[in-house]
Amino acid sequence: MTEQQQDKQWGGRRKGAGRPPTDSKSFTFRVPGDVAHIIDSQENKTEFIKRCIIRSIQGDEASVNTLSWGNVYPATRLKEMHLPFFDVRIVAGFPLPLDNDERSQDIDLLKMLCANPEACYLIRVKGRSMIDAGIMDGDIVIVDKSNRTPSPSEVAVCELNGEYTLKRFERRGDTGWLIPANPDYPEIEITPNDSFSIWGTVTYIIHKPH
């Protein structure tokens, strides 16, 4: 039977029919309940998961989330929160009355702490190497990953040879140094053979008063 005779008959596979071949692959996986809740709230769940994976790969977020010295949370998981703001000066002396006459516009806490949530993440700190910078063990710091050129006075999230740490970064001549804010911890020299990068700069510190 010729090819023309085959085309005239019903049934069989037609040339060009069906989906074009691709190099895509399907995956089945489980996620924690809080993550599942976020996914379920999305109108297009597939596109949302795709965007999360692409952003994770591009920003190396998967590596950041495995830090051994602190728990990491993306700032985009924070919900909008407005708190009342009283425009008065508070002194550490005799009590001052507060009433609605002094109440100014409410503050959006998320916008104040994270002007750009897409570029921020939160870390619960483990360790005491930065206590003189006001960062205590157990504190939460907000990190802006869009700022990877911190000044000598700023605290940065630094990666050195696959390990992560909170330190100030200082350049002395051609050599970089990681500077702790605790005299019990040594300064760390960054040699040409080291793998080093900066993952963001601390913008806010959240801790309970002692």
Protein backbone atom coordinates (compact mmCIF):
# COMPACT_ATOMS: atom_id res chain seq x y z
CA MET A 1 0.00 0.00 0.00
CA THR A 2 1.34 3.42 -0.95
CA GLU A 3 1.63 6.41 1.41
CA GLN A 4 -1.22 8.18 -0.47
CA GLN A 5 -3.48 5.16 0.01
CA GLN A 6 -2.71 5.12 3.73
CA ASP A 7 -3.61 8.82 4.09
CA LYS A 8 -7.07 8.15 2.57
CA GLN A 9 -7.92 5.48 5.13
CA TRP A 10 -9.46 6.18 8.55
CA GLY A 11 -7.54 5.43 11.71
CA GLY A 12 -3.86 5.15 12.35
CA ARG A 13 -1.44 7.85 13.33
CA ARG A 14 -1.30 10.90 11.09
CA LYS A 15 1.93 12.69 10.32
CA GLY A 16 2.44 15.74 12.55
CA ALA A 17 -0.32 14.75 14.95
CA GLY A 18 0.06 14.86 18.72
CA ARG A 19 2.20 17.04 20.97
CA PRO A 20 5.67 17.93 19.75
CA PRO A 21 8.49 16.18 21.64
CA THR A 22 10.03 18.18 24.51
CA ASP A 23 12.79 17.70 27.05
CA SER A 24 10.47 18.40 30.01
CA LYS A 25 10.01 15.93 32.86
CA SER A 26 7.30 15.42 35.48
CA PHE A 27 8.04 15.26 39.21
CA THR A 28 5.95 14.21 42.21
CA PHE A 29 6.94 15.55 45.62
CA ARG A 30 5.54 16.39 49.07
CA VAL A 31 5.76 19.78 50.79
CA PRO A 32 5.20 20.87 54.43
CA GLY A 33 1.73 22.03 55.42
CA ASP A 34 2.59 25.74 55.58
CA VAL A 35 4.09 25.60 52.08
CA ALA A 36 1.07 23.69 50.78
CA HIS A 37 -1.20 26.42 52.15
CA ILE A 38 0.73 29.08 50.20
CA ILE A 39 0.59 27.02 46.99
CA ASP A 40 -3.16 26.36 47.39
CA SER A 41 -3.82 30.10 47.69
CA GLN A 42 -2.37 30.74 44.21
CA GLU A 43 -4.67 31.06 41.20
CA ASN A 44 -2.18 29.32 38.91
CA LYS A 45 -0.35 26.82 41.08
CA THR A 46 1.84 25.42 38.29
CA GLU A 47 3.17 28.82 37.22
CA PHE A 48 3.73 29.79 40.87
CA ILE A 49 5.85 26.67 41.49
CA LYS A 50 7.79 27.28 38.26
CA ARG A 51 8.57 30.87 39.29
CA CYS A 52 9.71 29.74 42.74
CA ILE A 53 12.06 27.14 41.27
CA ILE A 54 13.50 29.57 38.71
CA ARG A 55 14.07 32.26 41.35
CA SER A 56 15.66 29.71 43.65
CA ILE A 57 18.10 28.60 40.96
CA GLN A 58 18.93 32.13 39.81
CA GLY A 59 19.42 33.48 43.31
CA ASP A 60 21.06 30.36 44.76
CA GLU A 61 18.39 30.40 47.46
CA ALA A 62 18.60 26.64 47.86
CA SER A 63 22.13 27.02 49.23
CA VAL A 64 21.19 29.88 51.56
CA ASN A 65 18.39 27.88 53.12
CA THR A 66 20.82 25.21 54.33
CA LEU A 67 22.81 27.54 56.61
CA SER A 68 23.92 25.64 59.70
CA TRP A 69 24.26 28.77 61.88
CA GLY A 70 20.72 30.08 61.53
CA ASN A 71 17.24 29.49 60.17
CA VAL A 72 16.39 31.40 56.99
CA TYR A 73 12.95 32.74 56.05
CA PRO A 74 12.05 34.63 52.84
CA ALA A 75 10.62 38.08 53.57
CA THR A 76 7.80 37.50 51.07
CA ARG A 77 6.20 35.16 53.63
CA LEU A 78 5.63 38.11 55.97
CA LYS A 79 2.09 39.45 55.98
CA GLU A 80 1.19 43.13 55.90
CA MET A 81 0.84 44.54 59.41
CA HIS A 82 -0.13 48.07 60.49
CA LEU A 83 0.67 49.23 64.05
CA PRO A 84 -0.32 52.53 65.71
CA PHE A 85 2.44 55.15 65.78
CA PHE A 86 2.55 57.90 68.43
CA ASP A 87 4.61 60.91 67.38
CA VAL A 88 6.08 61.80 70.78
CA ARG A 89 9.53 61.75 72.34
CA ILE A 90 9.94 59.07 74.99
CA VAL A 91 12.43 59.62 77.80
CA ALA A 92 13.69 56.99 80.20
CA GLY A 93 12.39 58.92 83.17
CA PHE A 94 8.92 59.75 84.48
CA PRO A 95 5.97 58.21 82.60
CA LEU A 96 4.30 60.25 79.85
CA PRO A 97 0.62 59.86 78.92
CA LEU A 98 -0.23 58.66 75.42
CA ASP A 99 -3.58 59.43 73.82
CA ASN A 100 -5.02 59.75 70.35
CA ASP A 101 -4.02 63.43 70.13
CA GLU A 102 -0.42 62.31 69.64
CA ARG A 103 -1.32 59.42 67.37
CA SER A 104 0.11 59.89 63.90
CA GLN A 105 -0.40 57.79 60.78
CA ASP A 106 -0.15 54.05 61.40
CA ILE A 107 3.09 52.36 60.36
CA ASP A 108 3.19 49.48 57.90
CA LEU A 109 5.72 47.32 59.72
CA LEU A 110 6.56 45.18 56.68
CA LYS A 111 7.32 48.18 54.46
CA MET A 112 9.40 49.79 57.19
CA LEU A 113 11.54 46.68 57.74
CA CYS A 114 11.57 45.37 54.15
CA ALA A 115 11.27 48.09 51.54
CA ASN A 116 11.80 45.42 48.88
CA PRO A 117 10.55 42.06 50.24
CA GLU A 118 11.53 40.24 47.05
CA ALA A 119 15.18 41.05 47.80
CA CYS A 120 15.08 40.35 51.55
CA TYR A 121 15.23 37.32 53.79
CA LEU A 122 15.28 36.80 57.56
CA ILE A 123 17.78 34.80 59.57
CA ARG A 124 17.57 33.64 63.18
CA VAL A 125 21.15 33.99 64.36
CA LYS A 126 23.16 31.34 66.18
CA GLY A 127 26.38 32.45 67.86
CA ARG A 128 27.89 35.44 69.66
CA SER A 129 30.55 36.73 67.27
CA MET A 130 28.63 39.99 66.58
CA ILE A 131 27.31 40.90 70.02
CA ASP A 132 29.14 44.25 70.09
CA ALA A 133 27.21 45.16 66.92
CA GLY A 134 23.99 44.54 68.83
CA ILE A 135 23.37 41.11 67.26
CA MET A 136 22.76 38.51 69.96
CA ASP A 137 22.34 34.74 69.85
CA GLY A 138 18.73 34.05 68.87
CA ASP A 139 18.09 37.44 67.29
CA ILE A 140 16.42 37.77 63.90
CA VAL A 141 18.21 39.87 61.28
CA ILE A 142 16.73 41.15 58.03
CA VAL A 143 19.13 40.86 55.10
CA ASP A 144 18.93 42.77 51.81
CA LYS A 145 20.51 40.51 49.19
CA SER A 146 20.47 43.31 46.58
CA ASN A 147 23.27 45.06 48.53
CA ARG A 148 26.38 42.92 48.09
CA THR A 149 28.91 45.74 48.51
CA PRO A 150 28.63 46.60 52.22
CA SER A 151 30.54 49.44 53.80
CA PRO A 152 33.09 48.58 56.55
CA SER A 153 30.52 49.54 59.21
CA GLU A 154 27.74 47.32 57.84
CA VAL A 155 27.22 43.67 58.78
CA ALA A 156 27.02 41.22 55.89
CA VAL A 157 26.15 37.59 55.26
CA CYS A 158 29.41 36.16 53.90
CA GLU A 159 30.24 32.80 52.35
CA LEU A 160 33.78 31.54 52.78
CA ASN A 161 34.72 28.14 51.34
CA GLY A 162 31.15 26.87 51.57
CA GLU A 163 30.53 28.11 55.13
CA TYR A 164 28.36 31.11 56.00
CA THR A 165 28.87 33.73 58.67
CA LEU A 166 27.73 37.18 59.80
CA LYS A 167 30.68 39.56 59.82
CA ARG A 168 31.83 42.99 58.76
CA PHE A 169 33.88 42.96 55.56
CA GLU A 170 36.98 45.12 55.36
CA ARG A 171 39.60 45.45 52.63
CA ARG A 172 43.18 46.22 53.61
CA GLY A 173 45.23 46.77 50.50
CA ASP A 174 44.67 43.77 48.27
CA THR A 175 43.46 41.54 51.11
CA GLY A 176 39.91 41.13 52.41
CA TRP A 177 39.13 40.46 56.06
CA LEU A 178 36.07 39.26 57.96
CA ILE A 179 35.80 41.26 61.17
CA PRO A 180 33.81 40.00 64.19
CA ALA A 181 32.21 42.30 66.75
CA ASN A 182 33.43 40.32 69.74
CA PRO A 183 37.04 40.35 71.01
CA ASP A 184 36.79 36.63 71.80
CA TYR A 185 36.63 35.83 68.07
CA PRO A 186 39.57 36.24 65.66
CA GLU A 187 39.60 38.20 62.42
CA ILE A 188 39.59 35.98 59.33
CA GLU A 189 41.88 36.70 56.38
CA ILE A 190 40.53 35.95 52.91
CA THR A 191 43.35 34.51 50.80
CA PRO A 192 43.47 34.29 46.97
CA ASN A 193 42.86 30.54 47.25
CA ASP A 194 39.61 31.01 49.18
CA SER A 195 36.14 30.91 47.65
CA PHE A 196 34.39 34.04 48.92
CA SER A 197 31.15 35.88 48.21
CA ILE A 198 28.74 38.27 49.94
CA TRP A 199 25.08 37.28 50.10
CA GLY A 200 23.58 40.52 51.39
CA THR A 201 23.72 43.21 54.05
CA VAL A 202 21.89 43.33 57.38
CA THR A 203 19.34 46.16 57.43
CA TYR A 204 17.47 45.52 60.69
CA ILE A 205 17.94 43.53 63.90
CA ILE A 206 14.95 42.18 65.82
CA HIS A 207 15.43 41.04 69.40
CA LYS A 208 13.59 41.03 72.67
CA PRO A 209 14.75 43.42 75.41
CA HIS A 210 16.67 41.79 78.22
